[in-house]
Amino acid sequence: MRPTPPHIETLGRTMVRPKWIAALLLALVIAGAFAWLGQWQLERAVQSGHVVERATESVKPLNDVARVNGAATSVGDGQLVHATGTFAPGDYGMLVGRLNNGTAGYWVTARFTPTDKDKDGKTAQLAVARGWAPTEQKAKDAIAELSSQPATTVTLVGRLLPTEAPEAPKSGGDPFEMKDMSVAALVNLWHGLGDSDVYSSYLVEHGTPPAGLTAIYSPRPVEQATVDWLNIFYAAEWAIFAGFAIFLWYRVVRDAWEKQREDDEADYEAAMAAWAVARGSAPSESASGQKLD
């Protein structure tokens, strides 16, 4: 009798067998555990991250937070400070293209020499942005008025900010025109520094601005939250592991299904070969029913 072709079970039918349903439940439990670990790592990343909060609005002495002749510290960035000293009448300058509450204009800058010595016991120079003017002429008028005033001792209060990187002047433009509040560039324009130190940061003056200038808008620095990226990476790893647990179950079921199909096909081919051999070796019979030798 000719062998009956095997019934090839579908993959979906194989998946709903009791043993594979049980394996799926186990995979879901494992995936759930991995997902929980990922959520735990993510919560750790949020909890371990912290908002950088500094008391920037409490006025501190300049020398408590400012540095000289080196990179500015994050401690002094945005800090309100006070210092007593004098402005140098001959070292007023102007910066172009400075925004103040979204409006472009000009900053009037100055050199300020605090009376107190710096941490190295030396006289130090501080760059100060004294105010903003909407037009170049108003900025020049303010500079002329301030430069004519005698050097008197004043107490200065303002926000300490990190120096800006200087930019090269545009081709064909005024080589002496400055746009950035760069301490390094301003030092080259100041007179009679001698061996004085120079503060790495500059100050935006607060209070009533002089010579008809407008106060420069300098709000408190935005508090920043740090993030633990290592924990976030671990959380992503656990999520991948959870997905891999489900994929592994699918791969095992598919491999079992393919193996069963190959075995059934191999058994059928073997049965067909045996049937063909049996047919080929059977004795022939004549039409009258007699066997032929």
C-alpha atoms as a PDB file:
ATOM      1  CA  MET A   1       0.000   0.000   0.000  1.00  0.00           C
ATOM      2  CA  ARG A   2       1.343   3.395  -0.974  1.00  0.00           C
ATOM      3  CA  PRO A   3       2.461   5.400   2.096  1.00  0.00           C
ATOM      4  CA  THR A   4       0.305   8.363   3.043  1.00  0.00           C
ATOM      5  CA  PRO A   5       2.106  11.741   2.842  1.00  0.00           C
ATOM      6  CA  PRO A   6       2.777  13.159   6.303  1.00  0.00           C
ATOM      7  CA  HIS A   7       0.536  15.880   7.707  1.00  0.00           C
ATOM      8  CA  ILE A   8       2.788  18.945   8.113  1.00  0.00           C
ATOM      9  CA  GLU A   9       1.721  20.842  11.209  1.00  0.00           C
ATOM     10  CA  THR A  10       1.777  24.636  10.991  1.00  0.00           C
ATOM     11  CA  LEU A  11       4.107  26.684  13.160  1.00  0.00           C
ATOM     12  CA  GLY A  12       1.156  28.307  14.875  1.00  0.00           C
ATOM     13  CA  ARG A  13      -0.289  24.903  15.757  1.00  0.00           C
ATOM     14  CA  THR A  14       3.038  23.879  17.245  1.00  0.00           C
ATOM     15  CA  MET A  15       3.206  27.061  19.321  1.00  0.00           C
ATOM     16  CA  VAL A  16      -0.067  26.277  21.133  1.00  0.00           C
ATOM     17  CA  ARG A  17       1.020  22.860  22.286  1.00  0.00           C
ATOM     18  CA  PRO A  18       0.937  22.632  26.097  1.00  0.00           C
ATOM     19  CA  LYS A  19       4.693  22.293  26.531  1.00  0.00           C
ATOM     20  CA  TRP A  20       5.399  25.357  24.385  1.00  0.00           C
ATOM     21  CA  ILE A  21       2.683  27.349  26.157  1.00  0.00           C
ATOM     22  CA  ALA A  22       4.425  26.476  29.424  1.00  0.00           C
ATOM     23  CA  ALA A  23       7.762  27.519  27.915  1.00  0.00           C
ATOM     24  CA  LEU A  24       6.197  30.807  26.799  1.00  0.00           C
ATOM     25  CA  LEU A  25       4.940  31.489  30.312  1.00  0.00           C
ATOM     26  CA  LEU A  26       8.452  30.866  31.632  1.00  0.00           C
ATOM     27  CA  ALA A  27       9.894  33.223  28.995  1.00  0.00           C
ATOM     28  CA  LEU A  28       7.358  35.905  29.968  1.00  0.00           C
ATOM     29  CA  VAL A  29       8.299  35.548  33.633  1.00  0.00           C
ATOM     30  CA  ILE A  30      11.986  35.924  32.741  1.00  0.00           C
ATOM     31  CA  ALA A  31      11.230  38.879  30.443  1.00  0.00           C
ATOM     32  CA  GLY A  32       9.168  40.484  33.200  1.00  0.00           C
ATOM     33  CA  ALA A  33      12.056  40.099  35.631  1.00  0.00           C
ATOM     34  CA  PHE A  34      14.419  41.708  33.118  1.00  0.00           C
ATOM     35  CA  ALA A  35      11.928  44.543  32.528  1.00  0.00           C
ATOM     36  CA  TRP A  36      11.666  45.138  36.280  1.00  0.00           C
ATOM     37  CA  LEU A  37      15.451  45.290  36.539  1.00  0.00           C
ATOM     38  CA  GLY A  38      15.504  47.778  33.665  1.00  0.00           C
ATOM     39  CA  GLN A  39      12.913  49.948  35.394  1.00  0.00           C
ATOM     40  CA  TRP A  40      14.909  49.762  38.618  1.00  0.00           C
ATOM     41  CA  GLN A  41      18.064  50.875  36.807  1.00  0.00           C
ATOM     42  CA  LEU A  42      16.143  53.728  35.194  1.00  0.00           C
ATOM     43  CA  GLU A  43      14.819  54.861  38.568  1.00  0.00           C
ATOM     44  CA  ARG A  44      18.363  54.702  39.926  1.00  0.00           C
ATOM     45  CA  ALA A  45      19.497  56.938  37.045  1.00  0.00           C
ATOM     46  CA  VAL A  46      16.828  59.501  37.917  1.00  0.00           C
ATOM     47  CA  GLN A  47      17.431  59.299  41.663  1.00  0.00           C
ATOM     48  CA  SER A  48      21.217  59.443  41.400  1.00  0.00           C
ATOM     49  CA  GLY A  49      20.986  62.358  38.973  1.00  0.00           C
ATOM     50  CA  HIS A  50      20.746  65.590  40.864  1.00  0.00           C
ATOM     51  CA  VAL A  51      19.952  69.175  40.135  1.00  0.00           C
ATOM     52  CA  VAL A  52      22.977  71.413  40.426  1.00  0.00           C
ATOM     53  CA  GLU A  53      21.782  74.014  42.899  1.00  0.00           C
ATOM     54  CA  ARG A  54      24.013  76.875  43.978  1.00  0.00           C
ATOM     55  CA  ALA A  55      23.242  79.914  46.051  1.00  0.00           C
ATOM     56  CA  THR A  56      24.120  82.249  43.194  1.00  0.00           C
ATOM     57  CA  GLU A  57      21.819  85.015  44.410  1.00  0.00           C
ATOM     58  CA  SER A  58      23.575  85.535  47.735  1.00  0.00           C
ATOM     59  CA  VAL A  59      26.267  88.151  47.158  1.00  0.00           C
ATOM     60  CA  LYS A  60      29.739  86.855  48.011  1.00  0.00           C
ATOM     61  CA  PRO A  61      33.146  88.543  48.089  1.00  0.00           C
ATOM     62  CA  LEU A  62      34.799  88.464  44.689  1.00  0.00           C
ATOM     63  CA  ASN A  63      37.918  86.646  45.886  1.00  0.00           C
ATOM     64  CA  ASP A  64      35.860  83.856  47.451  1.00  0.00           C
ATOM     65  CA  VAL A  65      34.781  82.500  44.065  1.00  0.00           C
ATOM     66  CA  ALA A  66      36.866  84.169  41.332  1.00  0.00           C
ATOM     67  CA  ARG A  67      40.177  82.899  40.002  1.00  0.00           C
ATOM     68  CA  VAL A  68      43.080  84.732  38.422  1.00  0.00           C
ATOM     69  CA  ASN A  69      45.377  83.715  35.559  1.00  0.00           C
ATOM     70  CA  GLY A  70      43.602  80.438  34.863  1.00  0.00           C
ATOM     71  CA  ALA A  71      40.377  78.755  33.865  1.00  0.00           C
ATOM     72  CA  ALA A  72      37.274  79.955  35.663  1.00  0.00           C
ATOM     73  CA  THR A  73      35.630  77.588  38.132  1.00  0.00           C
ATOM     74  CA  SER A  74      32.050  76.362  37.984  1.00  0.00           C
ATOM     75  CA  VAL A  75      31.609  77.611  41.548  1.00  0.00           C
ATOM     76  CA  GLY A  76      31.873  81.217  40.401  1.00  0.00           C
ATOM     77  CA  ASP A  77      29.847  80.829  37.208  1.00  0.00           C
ATOM     78  CA  GLY A  78      26.762  83.047  37.566  1.00  0.00           C
ATOM     79  CA  GLN A  79      27.527  84.004  41.161  1.00  0.00           C
ATOM     80  CA  LEU A  80      26.621  87.444  42.463  1.00  0.00           C
ATOM     81  CA  VAL A  81      29.730  89.059  43.971  1.00  0.00           C
ATOM     82  CA  HIS A  82      30.817  92.364  45.406  1.00  0.00           C
ATOM     83  CA  ALA A  83      34.150  94.175  45.398  1.00  0.00           C
ATOM     84  CA  THR A  84      35.430  97.609  46.332  1.00  0.00           C
ATOM     85  CA  GLY A  85      37.856  99.362  44.018  1.00  0.00           C
ATOM     86  CA  THR A  86      38.272 101.870  41.193  1.00  0.00           C
ATOM     87  CA  PHE A  87      37.549 101.998  37.476  1.00  0.00           C
ATOM     88  CA  ALA A  88      40.400 102.910  35.114  1.00  0.00           C
ATOM     89  CA  PRO A  89      39.187 106.021  33.204  1.00  0.00           C
ATOM     90  CA  GLY A  90      41.315 105.281  30.146  1.00  0.00           C
ATOM     91  CA  ASP A  91      40.267 101.666  29.651  1.00  0.00           C
ATOM     92  CA  TYR A  92      36.629 101.954  28.649  1.00  0.00           C
ATOM     93  CA  GLY A  93      35.597 100.080  25.523  1.00  0.00           C
ATOM     94  CA  MET A  94      32.638  99.009  23.460  1.00  0.00           C
ATOM     95  CA  LEU A  95      31.308  95.664  22.237  1.00  0.00           C
ATOM     96  CA  VAL A  96      29.053  95.501  19.188  1.00  0.00           C
ATOM     97  CA  GLY A  97      26.108  93.241  18.434  1.00  0.00           C
ATOM     98  CA  ARG A  98      25.214  92.482  22.046  1.00  0.00           C
ATOM     99  CA  LEU A  99      21.653  91.410  22.744  1.00  0.00           C
ATOM    100  CA  ASN A 100      19.740  92.770  25.698  1.00  0.00           C
ATOM    101  CA  ASN A 101      16.305  91.176  26.137  1.00  0.00           C
ATOM    102  CA  GLY A 102      16.407  90.259  22.466  1.00  0.00           C
ATOM    103  CA  THR A 103      17.435  93.702  21.158  1.00  0.00           C
ATOM    104  CA  ALA A 104      20.849  94.164  19.523  1.00  0.00           C
ATOM    105  CA  GLY A 105      22.994  96.998  20.758  1.00  0.00           C
ATOM    106  CA  TYR A 106      26.318  97.829  22.417  1.00  0.00           C
ATOM    107  CA  TRP A 107      28.002  97.005  25.695  1.00  0.00           C
ATOM    108  CA  VAL A 108      30.204  99.502  27.462  1.00  0.00           C
ATOM    109  CA  THR A 109      33.108  97.713  29.133  1.00  0.00           C
ATOM    110  CA  ALA A 110      35.630  98.826  31.724  1.00  0.00           C
ATOM    111  CA  ARG A 111      38.650  97.748  33.754  1.00  0.00           C
ATOM    112  CA  PHE A 112      38.060  97.552  37.481  1.00  0.00           C
ATOM    113  CA  THR A 113      40.851  97.240  40.054  1.00  0.00           C
ATOM    114  CA  PRO A 114      39.669  95.843  43.405  1.00  0.00           C
ATOM    115  CA  THR A 115      41.244  97.293  46.521  1.00  0.00           C
ATOM    116  CA  ASP A 116      41.615  93.871  48.135  1.00  0.00           C
ATOM    117  CA  LYS A 117      44.467  91.745  46.910  1.00  0.00           C
ATOM    118  CA  ASP A 118      43.737  88.448  45.212  1.00  0.00           C
ATOM    119  CA  LYS A 119      44.483  85.036  46.742  1.00  0.00           C
ATOM    120  CA  ASP A 120      48.104  85.358  45.649  1.00  0.00           C
ATOM    121  CA  GLY A 121      48.432  88.658  47.473  1.00  0.00           C
ATOM    122  CA  LYS A 122      48.691  90.683  44.273  1.00  0.00           C
ATOM    123  CA  THR A 123      46.659  93.413  42.635  1.00  0.00           C
ATOM    124  CA  ALA A 124      44.254  91.960  40.059  1.00  0.00           C
ATOM    125  CA  GLN A 125      42.222  93.447  37.218  1.00  0.00           C
ATOM    126  CA  LEU A 126      38.574  92.637  36.528  1.00  0.00           C
ATOM    127  CA  ALA A 127      36.714  93.119  33.240  1.00  0.00           C
ATOM    128  CA  VAL A 128      33.293  94.670  33.790  1.00  0.00           C
ATOM    129  CA  ALA A 129      30.305  95.124  31.489  1.00  0.00           C
ATOM    130  CA  ARG A 130      28.821  98.363  32.867  1.00  0.00           C
ATOM    131  CA  GLY A 131      25.728  98.776  30.712  1.00  0.00           C
ATOM    132  CA  TRP A 132      24.003  98.509  27.345  1.00  0.00           C
ATOM    133  CA  ALA A 133      23.210 101.179  24.755  1.00  0.00           C
ATOM    134  CA  PRO A 134      20.824 100.812  21.804  1.00  0.00           C
ATOM    135  CA  THR A 135      23.037 102.782  19.390  1.00  0.00           C
ATOM    136  CA  GLU A 136      26.725 103.214  18.781  1.00  0.00           C
ATOM    137  CA  GLN A 137      26.537 106.951  19.386  1.00  0.00           C
ATOM    138  CA  LYS A 138      24.920 106.519  22.800  1.00  0.00           C
ATOM    139  CA  ALA A 139      27.599 103.976  23.717  1.00  0.00           C
ATOM    140  CA  LYS A 140      30.329 106.420  22.649  1.00  0.00           C
ATOM    141  CA  ASP A 141      28.698 109.248  24.587  1.00  0.00           C
ATOM    142  CA  ALA A 142      28.608 107.080  27.697  1.00  0.00           C
ATOM    143  CA  ILE A 143      32.262 106.137  27.263  1.00  0.00           C
ATOM    144  CA  ALA A 144      33.238 109.793  26.883  1.00  0.00           C
ATOM    145  CA  GLU A 145      31.357 110.748  30.051  1.00  0.00           C
ATOM    146  CA  LEU A 146      32.743 107.849  32.109  1.00  0.00           C
ATOM    147  CA  SER A 147      36.302 108.420  30.891  1.00  0.00           C
ATOM    148  CA  SER A 148      36.139 112.043  32.028  1.00  0.00           C
ATOM    149  CA  GLN A 149      35.209 111.099  35.584  1.00  0.00           C
ATOM    150  CA  PRO A 150      37.992 110.863  38.186  1.00  0.00           C
ATOM    151  CA  ALA A 151      38.931 107.449  39.553  1.00  0.00           C
ATOM    152  CA  THR A 152      36.999 107.207  42.810  1.00  0.00           C
ATOM    153  CA  THR A 153      36.555 104.215  45.077  1.00  0.00           C
ATOM    154  CA  VAL A 154      33.210 102.485  44.588  1.00  0.00           C
ATOM    155  CA  THR A 155      31.608  99.236  45.723  1.00  0.00           C
ATOM    156  CA  LEU A 156      30.666  97.122  42.735  1.00  0.00           C
ATOM    157  CA  VAL A 157      27.983  94.404  42.738  1.00  0.00           C
ATOM    158  CA  GLY A 158      27.322  92.159  39.779  1.00  0.00           C
ATOM    159  CA  ARG A 159      27.124  88.690  38.311  1.00  0.00           C
ATOM    160  CA  LEU A 160      30.347  86.846  37.567  1.00  0.00           C
ATOM    161  CA  LEU A 161      30.368  85.090  34.193  1.00  0.00           C
ATOM    162  CA  PRO A 162      32.992  83.030  32.331  1.00  0.00           C
ATOM    163  CA  THR A 163      35.049  84.763  29.661  1.00  0.00           C
ATOM    164  CA  GLU A 164      33.946  84.344  26.065  1.00  0.00           C
ATOM    165  CA  ALA A 165      36.124  83.066  23.242  1.00  0.00           C
ATOM    166  CA  PRO A 166      37.291  85.869  20.954  1.00  0.00           C
ATOM    167  CA  GLU A 167      36.348  85.824  17.279  1.00  0.00           C
ATOM    168  CA  ALA A 168      38.497  87.129  14.454  1.00  0.00           C
ATOM    169  CA  PRO A 169      37.096  90.299  12.823  1.00  0.00           C
ATOM    170  CA  LYS A 170      35.263  89.878   9.548  1.00  0.00           C
ATOM    171  CA  SER A 171      37.189  90.363   6.355  1.00  0.00           C
ATOM    172  CA  GLY A 172      37.131  94.040   5.418  1.00  0.00           C
ATOM    173  CA  GLY A 173      35.701  95.064   8.776  1.00  0.00           C
ATOM    174  CA  ASP A 174      37.185  97.154  11.537  1.00  0.00           C
ATOM    175  CA  PRO A 175      40.068  95.104  13.020  1.00  0.00           C
ATOM    176  CA  PHE A 176      39.572  96.790  16.393  1.00  0.00           C
ATOM    177  CA  GLU A 177      35.841  96.087  16.564  1.00  0.00           C
ATOM    178  CA  MET A 178      34.992  93.571  19.288  1.00  0.00           C
ATOM    179  CA  LYS A 179      31.861  91.528  19.733  1.00  0.00           C
ATOM    180  CA  ASP A 180      32.788  89.056  22.469  1.00  0.00           C
ATOM    181  CA  MET A 181      33.449  89.701  26.135  1.00  0.00           C
ATOM    182  CA  SER A 182      36.874  88.090  25.989  1.00  0.00           C
ATOM    183  CA  VAL A 183      39.127  88.854  28.940  1.00  0.00           C
ATOM    184  CA  ALA A 184      42.186  87.820  26.934  1.00  0.00           C
ATOM    185  CA  ALA A 185      41.324  90.295  24.163  1.00  0.00           C
ATOM    186  CA  LEU A 186      40.521  93.126  26.577  1.00  0.00           C
ATOM    187  CA  VAL A 187      43.826  92.724  28.404  1.00  0.00           C
ATOM    188  CA  ASN A 188      45.631  93.612  25.176  1.00  0.00           C
ATOM    189  CA  LEU A 189      43.780  96.961  25.120  1.00  0.00           C
ATOM    190  CA  TRP A 190      44.298  97.941  28.755  1.00  0.00           C
ATOM    191  CA  HIS A 191      47.066 100.303  29.865  1.00  0.00           C
ATOM    192  CA  GLY A 192      49.538 100.194  32.712  1.00  0.00           C
ATOM    193  CA  LEU A 193      48.848  96.685  33.944  1.00  0.00           C
ATOM    194  CA  GLY A 194      52.395  96.034  35.064  1.00  0.00           C
ATOM    195  CA  ASP A 195      52.619  92.676  36.806  1.00  0.00           C
ATOM    196  CA  SER A 196      48.971  92.677  37.892  1.00  0.00           C
ATOM    197  CA  ASP A 197      46.984  89.473  37.805  1.00  0.00           C
ATOM    198  CA  VAL A 198      43.806  89.255  35.737  1.00  0.00           C
ATOM    199  CA  TYR A 199      40.571  87.583  36.801  1.00  0.00           C
ATOM    200  CA  SER A 200      39.537  84.768  34.477  1.00  0.00           C
ATOM    201  CA  SER A 201      35.858  85.804  34.536  1.00  0.00           C
ATOM    202  CA  TYR A 202      34.122  89.076  33.854  1.00  0.00           C
ATOM    203  CA  LEU A 203      31.419  90.894  35.772  1.00  0.00           C
ATOM    204  CA  VAL A 204      28.048  92.189  34.588  1.00  0.00           C
ATOM    205  CA  GLU A 205      27.357  95.216  36.775  1.00  0.00           C
ATOM    206  CA  HIS A 206      24.047  95.286  38.641  1.00  0.00           C
ATOM    207  CA  GLY A 207      22.249  98.242  40.106  1.00  0.00           C
ATOM    208  CA  THR A 208      21.592 101.595  38.453  1.00  0.00           C
ATOM    209  CA  PRO A 209      23.716 101.787  35.285  1.00  0.00           C
ATOM    210  CA  PRO A 210      25.917 104.884  34.813  1.00  0.00           C
ATOM    211  CA  ALA A 211      25.918 107.548  32.106  1.00  0.00           C
ATOM    212  CA  GLY A 212      22.394 106.910  30.832  1.00  0.00           C
ATOM    213  CA  LEU A 213      23.103 103.273  29.954  1.00  0.00           C
ATOM    214  CA  THR A 214      20.565 100.473  30.293  1.00  0.00           C
ATOM    215  CA  ALA A 215      21.119  97.674  32.776  1.00  0.00           C
ATOM    216  CA  ILE A 216      22.328  94.480  31.132  1.00  0.00           C
ATOM    217  CA  TYR A 217      19.929  91.595  31.561  1.00  0.00           C
ATOM    218  CA  SER A 218      21.788  88.834  33.388  1.00  0.00           C
ATOM    219  CA  PRO A 219      19.397  86.396  35.083  1.00  0.00           C
ATOM    220  CA  ARG A 220      20.429  83.711  37.508  1.00  0.00           C
ATOM    221  CA  PRO A 221      21.884  80.641  35.788  1.00  0.00           C
ATOM    222  CA  VAL A 222      19.494  77.847  34.906  1.00  0.00           C
ATOM    223  CA  GLU A 223      19.779  74.958  37.311  1.00  0.00           C
ATOM    224  CA  GLN A 224      20.918  71.857  35.470  1.00  0.00           C
ATOM    225  CA  ALA A 225      20.144  68.248  36.295  1.00  0.00           C
ATOM    226  CA  THR A 226      22.889  65.686  35.921  1.00  0.00           C
ATOM    227  CA  VAL A 227      22.018  62.244  34.574  1.00  0.00           C
ATOM    228  CA  ASP A 228      23.651  58.922  35.406  1.00  0.00           C
ATOM    229  CA  TRP A 229      24.164  57.624  31.877  1.00  0.00           C
ATOM    230  CA  LEU A 230      25.700  54.363  33.098  1.00  0.00           C
ATOM    231  CA  ASN A 231      22.435  53.359  34.790  1.00  0.00           C
ATOM    232  CA  ILE A 232      20.500  54.352  31.674  1.00  0.00           C
ATOM    233  CA  PHE A 233      22.786  52.103  29.630  1.00  0.00           C
ATOM    234  CA  TYR A 234      22.132  49.228  32.037  1.00  0.00           C
ATOM    235  CA  ALA A 235      18.379  49.859  31.802  1.00  0.00           C
ATOM    236  CA  ALA A 236      18.592  49.600  28.011  1.00  0.00           C
ATOM    237  CA  GLU A 237      20.532  46.349  28.366  1.00  0.00           C
ATOM    238  CA  TRP A 238      17.824  44.820  30.568  1.00  0.00           C
ATOM    239  CA  ALA A 239      15.183  45.843  28.018  1.00  0.00           C
ATOM    240  CA  ILE A 240      17.177  44.073  25.300  1.00  0.00           C
ATOM    241  CA  PHE A 241      17.468  40.973  27.496  1.00  0.00           C
ATOM    242  CA  ALA A 242      13.687  40.987  28.039  1.00  0.00           C
ATOM    243  CA  GLY A 243      13.069  41.078  24.311  1.00  0.00           C
ATOM    244  CA  PHE A 244      15.687  38.382  23.756  1.00  0.00           C
ATOM    245  CA  ALA A 245      13.885  36.037  26.202  1.00  0.00           C
ATOM    246  CA  ILE A 246      10.742  36.156  24.028  1.00  0.00           C
ATOM    247  CA  PHE A 247      12.779  35.822  20.835  1.00  0.00           C
ATOM    248  CA  LEU A 248      14.634  32.827  22.275  1.00  0.00           C
ATOM    249  CA  TRP A 249      11.321  31.073  22.987  1.00  0.00           C
ATOM    250  CA  TYR A 250      10.186  31.725  19.415  1.00  0.00           C
ATOM    251  CA  ARG A 251      13.490  30.472  18.030  1.00  0.00           C
ATOM    252  CA  VAL A 252      13.336  27.255  20.084  1.00  0.00           C
ATOM    253  CA  VAL A 253       9.734  26.566  19.004  1.00  0.00           C
ATOM    254  CA  ARG A 254      10.576  27.217  15.368  1.00  0.00           C
ATOM    255  CA  ASP A 255      13.641  24.972  15.534  1.00  0.00           C
ATOM    256  CA  ALA A 256      11.521  22.176  17.075  1.00  0.00           C
ATOM    257  CA  TRP A 257       8.858  22.663  14.389  1.00  0.00           C
ATOM    258  CA  GLU A 258      11.414  22.557  11.568  1.00  0.00           C
ATOM    259  CA  LYS A 259      13.056  19.482  13.100  1.00  0.00           C
ATOM    260  CA  GLN A 260       9.700  17.663  13.310  1.00  0.00           C
ATOM    261  CA  ARG A 261       8.894  18.594   9.721  1.00  0.00           C
ATOM    262  CA  GLU A 262      12.281  17.351   8.500  1.00  0.00           C
ATOM    263  CA  ASP A 263      11.865  14.092  10.451  1.00  0.00           C
ATOM    264  CA  ASP A 264       8.367  13.535   9.029  1.00  0.00           C
ATOM    265  CA  GLU A 265       9.584  14.219   5.506  1.00  0.00           C
ATOM    266  CA  ALA A 266      12.556  11.915   5.996  1.00  0.00           C
ATOM    267  CA  ASP A 267      10.265   9.145   7.329  1.00  0.00           C
ATOM    268  CA  TYR A 268       7.925   9.592   4.364  1.00  0.00           C
ATOM    269  CA  GLU A 269      10.794   9.478   1.878  1.00  0.00           C
ATOM    270  CA  ALA A 270      12.118   6.313   3.529  1.00  0.00           C
ATOM    271  CA  ALA A 271       8.650   4.738   3.436  1.00  0.00           C
ATOM    272  CA  MET A 272       8.266   5.676  -0.239  1.00  0.00           C
ATOM    273  CA  ALA A 273      11.653   4.196  -1.055  1.00  0.00           C
ATOM    274  CA  ALA A 274      10.737   0.961   0.732  1.00  0.00           C
ATOM    275  CA  TRP A 275       7.384   0.863  -1.055  1.00  0.00           C
ATOM    276  CA  ALA A 276       9.053   1.408  -4.422  1.00  0.00           C
ATOM    277  CA  VAL A 277      11.518  -1.388  -3.722  1.00  0.00           C
ATOM    278  CA  ALA A 278       8.691  -3.678  -2.658  1.00  0.00           C
ATOM    279  CA  ARG A 279       6.803  -2.960  -5.835  1.00  0.00           C
ATOM    280  CA  GLY A 280       9.805  -3.510  -8.030  1.00  0.00           C
ATOM    281  CA  SER A 281      10.628  -6.963  -6.535  1.00  0.00           C
ATOM    282  CA  ALA A 282       7.068  -8.352  -6.542  1.00  0.00           C
ATOM    283  CA  PRO A 283       6.447 -11.213  -9.156  1.00  0.00           C
ATOM    284  CA  SER A 284       4.391 -10.268 -12.236  1.00  0.00           C
ATOM    285  CA  GLU A 285       1.144 -12.035 -13.091  1.00  0.00           C
ATOM    286  CA  SER A 286      -0.337 -12.831 -16.495  1.00  0.00           C
ATOM    287  CA  ALA A 287      -3.738 -11.788 -17.576  1.00  0.00           C
ATOM    288  CA  SER A 288      -4.996 -15.297 -16.692  1.00  0.00           C
ATOM    289  CA  GLY A 289      -3.737 -14.896 -13.177  1.00  0.00           C
ATOM    290  CA  GLN A 290      -0.776 -17.304 -13.615  1.00  0.00           C
ATOM    291  CA  LYS A 291       2.605 -16.298 -12.241  1.00  0.00           C
ATOM    292  CA  LEU A 292       5.349 -15.828 -14.825  1.00  0.00           C
ATOM    293  CA  ASP A 293       8.658 -17.503 -14.144  1.00  0.00           C
END
